[in-house]
Amino acid sequence: MTLHATVLIERISIVTSLRLLLFLIAIGTESVMYWSWSKQHGIGNLNFYIVM
């Protein structure tokens, strides 16, 4: 996630990139929480986690 944000800082602007960094952190956290939930229910779906 930080690599994506760093590239965005170089290409766009710092303010926009920091806003996107917060969004990327939230999405990353959600993907881990979803994977954990699916693993507890016997599914273990990593698709969302892999995409991130």
Protein backbone atom coordinates (compact mmCIF):
# COMPACT_ATOMS: atom_id res chain seq x y z
CA MET A 1 0.00 0.00 0.00
CA THR A 2 2.76 2.45 0.81
CA LEU A 3 4.46 1.73 -2.50
CA HIS A 4 1.26 2.70 -4.32
CA ALA A 5 0.98 5.85 -2.24
CA THR A 6 4.61 6.78 -2.89
CA VAL A 7 4.13 6.46 -6.64
CA LEU A 8 0.99 8.57 -6.40
CA ILE A 9 2.85 11.26 -4.44
CA GLU A 10 5.43 11.48 -7.21
CA ARG A 11 2.84 11.53 -9.99
CA ILE A 12 -0.06 13.56 -8.58
CA SER A 13 0.05 15.71 -5.43
CA ILE A 14 0.86 15.13 -1.80
CA VAL A 15 -2.62 16.05 -0.50
CA THR A 16 -4.45 13.78 -2.94
CA SER A 17 -1.99 10.96 -2.32
CA LEU A 18 -2.42 11.17 1.45
CA ARG A 19 -6.18 10.95 1.05
CA LEU A 20 -5.76 7.93 -1.21
CA LEU A 21 -3.32 6.41 1.28
CA LEU A 22 -6.01 6.46 3.96
CA PHE A 23 -8.41 4.82 1.51
CA LEU A 24 -5.83 2.16 0.59
CA ILE A 25 -5.14 1.40 4.25
CA ALA A 26 -8.86 1.01 4.90
CA ILE A 27 -9.26 -1.32 1.91
CA GLY A 28 -6.23 -3.36 2.98
CA THR A 29 -7.59 -3.70 6.51
CA GLU A 30 -10.97 -4.77 5.18
CA SER A 31 -9.38 -7.41 2.96
CA VAL A 32 -7.54 -8.95 5.92
CA MET A 33 -10.69 -8.85 8.06
CA TYR A 34 -12.70 -10.54 5.30
CA TRP A 35 -10.05 -13.23 4.86
CA SER A 36 -10.01 -13.86 8.62
CA TRP A 37 -13.81 -14.07 8.74
CA SER A 38 -13.96 -16.43 5.76
CA LYS A 39 -11.22 -18.62 7.26
CA GLN A 40 -13.16 -18.91 10.52
CA HIS A 41 -16.20 -20.08 8.55
CA GLY A 42 -14.20 -22.72 6.68
CA ILE A 43 -13.99 -20.92 3.35
CA GLY A 44 -10.58 -19.24 3.50
CA ASN A 45 -11.26 -16.99 0.50
CA LEU A 46 -8.10 -15.01 -0.41
CA ASN A 47 -9.37 -13.39 -3.61
CA PHE A 48 -9.91 -9.89 -2.17
CA TYR A 49 -6.61 -10.11 -0.27
CA ILE A 50 -4.69 -11.15 -3.40
CA VAL A 51 -6.13 -8.29 -5.43
CA MET A 52 -4.89 -5.79 -2.86
